[in-house]
């Protein structure tokens, strides 16, 4: 995976933001790390040919 970073502005519905924040806290991650973890998991599944993720 490319380690160059790009900043983006992300707008989320408040309930999704609250859920992600709670998940991040439960997983002892920052909100940014939680979002990356979830996106990278889906990305890997697609790259490996398992689009059921």
Protein backbone atom coordinates (compact mmCIF):
# COMPACT_ATOMS: atom_id res chain seq x y z
CA UNK A 1 0.00 0.00 0.00
CA UNK A 2 1.27 3.48 -0.84
CA UNK A 3 2.39 5.39 2.26
CA UNK A 4 2.02 8.84 0.76
CA UNK A 5 -0.82 10.66 2.49
CA UNK A 6 -3.53 12.94 1.15
CA UNK A 7 -5.74 15.03 3.39
CA UNK A 8 -9.46 15.04 2.69
CA UNK A 9 -12.53 16.58 4.26
CA UNK A 10 -15.14 13.98 5.07
CA UNK A 11 -18.75 14.70 5.90
CA UNK A 12 -20.60 12.02 7.82
CA UNK A 13 -24.12 11.79 9.19
CA UNK A 14 -23.93 12.48 12.94
CA UNK A 15 -25.16 8.99 13.87
CA UNK A 16 -22.46 7.34 11.74
CA UNK A 17 -19.83 9.64 13.26
CA UNK A 18 -21.00 8.73 16.77
CA UNK A 19 -20.90 5.02 15.96
CA UNK A 20 -17.41 5.22 14.43
CA UNK A 21 -16.18 7.24 17.41
CA UNK A 22 -17.53 4.59 19.80
CA UNK A 23 -15.94 1.81 17.73
CA UNK A 24 -12.62 3.66 17.72
CA UNK A 25 -12.73 4.04 21.49
CA UNK A 26 -13.62 0.36 21.97
CA UNK A 27 -10.72 -0.64 19.71
CA UNK A 28 -8.33 1.86 21.32
CA UNK A 29 -7.79 3.70 18.04
CA UNK A 30 -8.14 7.28 16.93
CA UNK A 31 -11.13 8.01 14.74
CA UNK A 32 -8.78 8.40 11.78
CA UNK A 33 -7.14 5.04 12.48
CA UNK A 34 -10.51 3.34 12.85
CA UNK A 35 -11.71 4.66 9.50
CA UNK A 36 -8.44 3.62 7.82
CA UNK A 37 -8.57 0.17 9.41
CA UNK A 38 -12.07 -0.42 8.05
CA UNK A 39 -11.35 0.94 4.58
CA UNK A 40 -8.07 -0.98 4.29
CA UNK A 41 -9.84 -4.20 5.28
CA UNK A 42 -12.40 -3.73 2.51
CA UNK A 43 -9.67 -2.72 0.07
CA UNK A 44 -7.63 -5.86 0.78
CA UNK A 45 -10.70 -8.06 0.37
CA UNK A 46 -11.42 -6.57 -3.05
CA UNK A 47 -7.79 -6.76 -4.17
CA UNK A 48 -7.64 -10.41 -3.12
CA UNK A 49 -10.81 -11.11 -5.12
CA UNK A 50 -13.22 -11.56 -2.22
CA UNK A 51 -15.80 -8.85 -2.85
CA UNK A 52 -18.15 -10.14 -0.14
CA UNK A 53 -16.57 -7.83 2.48
